[in-house]
Amino acid sequence: FGMSNKDASVMTSELGLCLFFEACEQESSNGLESAKWLLNAGAKLSNERGCNIEDLGITPEQVAGIISLRKENKIGSSAANTIFELLCDSDQTAEAIAESNSLLQVVDEDALATWVQEAIEAQPQAADDVRNGKDAAIGRLIGEIMKRSGGSADAGAARTKLLSTLQP
């Protein structure tokens, strides 16, 4: 599956986790991403709740749904982690949770253009820095866009739009 020996060792250390991972891999057809979700978000929540990962209440289909939404760039990484937690003990799909909690990324070009303009106006020094080739300053502008969009803007699209606006 392309995972490290350490991760493979953890995934096979307990029968329940191993079987749950296998089911997630079959649903998503992506063993590496399944392992990442179980070893990161799953392990964090299982530690907080004092239970095994496979007992969190999330199903393999729901894990596969998160992987699919990320692959399709419909949600960002922060939203994906929120969705993972909300799916525990829920019978909803990942997409339904994303929609009902306004976690889907906005791909509306007009909205993105507005947020870019507002971010440039709110962060003039960062905008000047980017205009002058200091691309590291773009993080402040992207942060401003994410703030204005409530986290729903696609950060990659925001970066592209900012660069095309500031460095035509």
Protein backbone atom coordinates (compact mmCIF):
# COMPACT_ATOMS: atom_id res chain seq x y z
CA PHE A 1 0.00 0.00 0.00
CA GLY A 2 3.04 2.25 0.04
CA MET A 3 3.04 2.93 3.78
CA SER A 4 6.09 2.89 6.01
CA ASN A 5 7.07 -0.23 7.93
CA LYS A 6 6.16 1.59 11.15
CA ASP A 7 2.65 2.43 9.90
CA ALA A 8 2.17 -1.09 8.54
CA SER A 9 3.21 -2.48 11.92
CA VAL A 10 0.62 -0.31 13.70
CA MET A 11 -2.11 -1.20 11.18
CA THR A 12 -1.52 -4.92 11.74
CA SER A 13 -0.94 -4.77 15.50
CA GLU A 14 -4.58 -5.43 16.41
CA LEU A 15 -6.99 -7.67 14.54
CA GLY A 16 -9.91 -5.21 14.81
CA LEU A 17 -7.89 -2.32 13.40
CA CYS A 18 -6.44 -4.52 10.66
CA LEU A 19 -9.91 -5.67 9.56
CA PHE A 20 -11.28 -2.12 9.73
CA PHE A 21 -8.35 -0.85 7.64
CA GLU A 22 -8.92 -3.61 5.10
CA ALA A 23 -12.60 -2.65 4.80
CA CYS A 24 -11.66 1.04 4.37
CA GLU A 25 -9.13 0.13 1.70
CA GLN A 26 -11.71 -1.95 -0.17
CA GLU A 27 -14.28 0.88 -0.06
CA SER A 28 -11.85 3.61 -1.10
CA SER A 29 -9.48 1.58 -3.31
CA ASN A 30 -6.76 3.63 -1.63
CA GLY A 31 -4.88 1.82 1.12
CA LEU A 32 -2.36 4.57 1.75
CA GLU A 33 -4.98 7.29 2.25
CA SER A 34 -7.11 4.93 4.38
CA ALA A 35 -4.10 4.25 6.60
CA LYS A 36 -3.32 7.96 6.89
CA TRP A 37 -6.86 8.74 8.04
CA LEU A 38 -6.94 5.92 10.54
CA LEU A 39 -3.46 6.63 11.90
CA ASN A 40 -3.96 10.40 12.16
CA ALA A 41 -7.55 11.52 12.70
CA GLY A 42 -8.64 8.08 13.89
CA ALA A 43 -5.82 7.67 16.39
CA LYS A 44 -6.32 11.21 17.75
CA LEU A 45 -10.03 10.67 18.35
CA SER A 46 -9.59 7.17 19.75
CA ASN A 47 -7.06 8.53 22.27
CA GLU A 48 -9.42 11.36 23.25
CA ARG A 49 -12.36 8.98 23.63
CA GLY A 50 -10.45 6.09 25.16
CA CYS A 51 -11.55 3.54 22.59
CA ASN A 52 -10.18 1.62 19.63
CA ILE A 53 -10.21 3.27 16.21
CA GLU A 54 -12.63 0.71 14.85
CA ASP A 55 -15.04 1.55 17.71
CA LEU A 56 -15.30 5.29 16.94
CA GLY A 57 -18.57 4.79 15.09
CA ILE A 58 -17.29 5.82 11.67
CA THR A 59 -17.80 3.30 8.87
CA PRO A 60 -15.42 2.28 6.08
CA GLU A 61 -17.86 3.84 3.61
CA GLN A 62 -17.66 7.16 5.46
CA VAL A 63 -13.84 7.07 5.52
CA ALA A 64 -13.91 6.35 1.78
CA GLY A 65 -16.28 9.31 1.36
CA ILE A 66 -13.79 11.66 3.00
CA ILE A 67 -10.99 10.32 0.81
CA SER A 68 -13.16 10.84 -2.28
CA LEU A 69 -14.12 14.41 -1.33
CA ARG A 70 -10.44 15.28 -0.77
CA LYS A 71 -9.40 13.65 -4.05
CA GLU A 72 -12.09 15.63 -5.89
CA ASN A 73 -10.88 18.79 -4.10
CA LYS A 74 -14.36 19.41 -2.72
CA ILE A 75 -13.05 19.86 0.84
CA GLY A 76 -9.85 21.12 2.40
CA SER A 77 -7.77 19.25 4.94
CA SER A 78 -9.17 21.16 7.92
CA ALA A 79 -12.74 20.48 6.79
CA ALA A 80 -11.88 16.82 6.24
CA ASN A 81 -10.74 16.47 9.85
CA THR A 82 -13.93 18.12 11.07
CA ILE A 83 -16.01 15.81 8.88
CA PHE A 84 -14.16 12.76 10.21
CA GLU A 85 -15.08 13.72 13.76
CA LEU A 86 -18.70 14.56 12.87
CA LEU A 87 -19.12 11.22 11.09
CA CYS A 88 -18.31 9.27 14.24
CA ASP A 89 -21.62 7.89 15.50
CA SER A 90 -23.44 9.32 12.48
CA ASP A 91 -25.23 7.45 9.72
CA GLN A 92 -24.81 10.31 7.23
CA THR A 93 -22.42 10.31 4.29
CA ALA A 94 -19.29 12.43 4.24
CA GLU A 95 -20.81 14.63 1.54
CA ALA A 96 -24.05 15.12 3.50
CA ILE A 97 -22.07 16.17 6.59
CA ALA A 98 -19.95 18.52 4.47
CA GLU A 99 -23.03 20.10 2.91
CA SER A 100 -25.02 20.46 6.13
CA ASN A 101 -22.05 22.06 7.91
CA SER A 102 -21.04 24.33 4.99
CA LEU A 103 -17.67 22.60 4.68
CA LEU A 104 -17.60 22.20 0.90
CA GLN A 105 -15.05 24.40 -0.82
CA VAL A 106 -16.45 27.26 -2.83
CA VAL A 107 -15.44 27.18 -6.48
CA ASP A 108 -17.52 30.21 -7.43
CA GLU A 109 -15.15 32.43 -9.45
CA ASP A 110 -17.11 35.61 -8.64
CA ALA A 111 -17.02 34.93 -4.90
CA LEU A 112 -13.32 34.10 -5.10
CA ALA A 113 -12.59 37.31 -7.01
CA THR A 114 -14.44 39.32 -4.35
CA TRP A 115 -12.53 37.64 -1.51
CA VAL A 116 -9.22 38.20 -3.31
CA GLN A 117 -9.98 41.92 -3.73
CA GLU A 118 -11.06 42.23 -0.08
CA ALA A 119 -7.93 40.40 1.10
CA ILE A 120 -5.69 42.70 -0.95
CA GLU A 121 -7.42 45.75 0.53
CA ALA A 122 -7.21 44.34 4.08
CA GLN A 123 -3.54 43.29 3.76
CA PRO A 124 -1.91 45.97 1.56
CA GLN A 125 1.63 45.28 2.80
CA ALA A 126 1.34 41.56 2.04
CA ALA A 127 -0.09 42.41 -1.39
CA ASP A 128 2.85 44.74 -2.09
CA ASP A 129 5.29 42.05 -0.96
CA VAL A 130 3.74 39.52 -3.36
CA ARG A 131 3.78 42.11 -6.17
CA ASN A 132 7.51 42.53 -5.49
CA GLY A 133 8.18 38.81 -5.79
CA LYS A 134 8.08 37.87 -2.10
CA ASP A 135 5.77 34.90 -2.56
CA ALA A 136 6.06 33.88 1.10
CA ALA A 137 3.76 36.81 1.96
CA ILE A 138 0.93 35.13 0.07
CA GLY A 139 0.12 33.09 3.18
CA ARG A 140 -1.27 36.19 4.92
CA LEU A 141 -3.51 36.91 1.96
CA ILE A 142 -4.73 33.32 1.73
CA GLY A 143 -5.43 33.41 5.47
CA GLU A 144 -7.49 36.57 4.96
CA ILE A 145 -9.44 34.90 2.14
CA MET A 146 -10.10 31.84 4.29
CA LYS A 147 -11.31 34.13 7.10
CA ARG A 148 -13.64 36.02 4.78
CA SER A 149 -14.97 32.82 3.19
CA GLY A 150 -15.52 31.08 6.51
CA GLY A 151 -12.95 28.50 5.44
CA SER A 152 -14.90 27.49 2.36
CA ALA A 153 -12.55 28.92 -0.28
CA ASP A 154 -10.27 26.52 -2.13
CA ALA A 155 -6.83 27.60 -0.90
CA GLY A 156 -5.15 26.41 -4.10
CA ALA A 157 -7.55 28.35 -6.29
CA ALA A 158 -7.14 31.39 -4.01
CA ARG A 159 -3.36 31.22 -4.38
CA THR A 160 -3.63 30.98 -8.17
CA LYS A 161 -6.08 33.90 -8.32
CA LEU A 162 -3.92 36.03 -6.02
CA LEU A 163 -0.79 35.42 -8.08
CA SER A 164 -2.56 36.16 -11.37
CA THR A 165 -3.98 39.36 -9.86
CA LEU A 166 -0.79 40.60 -8.20
CA GLN A 167 1.80 39.30 -10.67
CA PRO A 168 0.07 39.51 -14.07
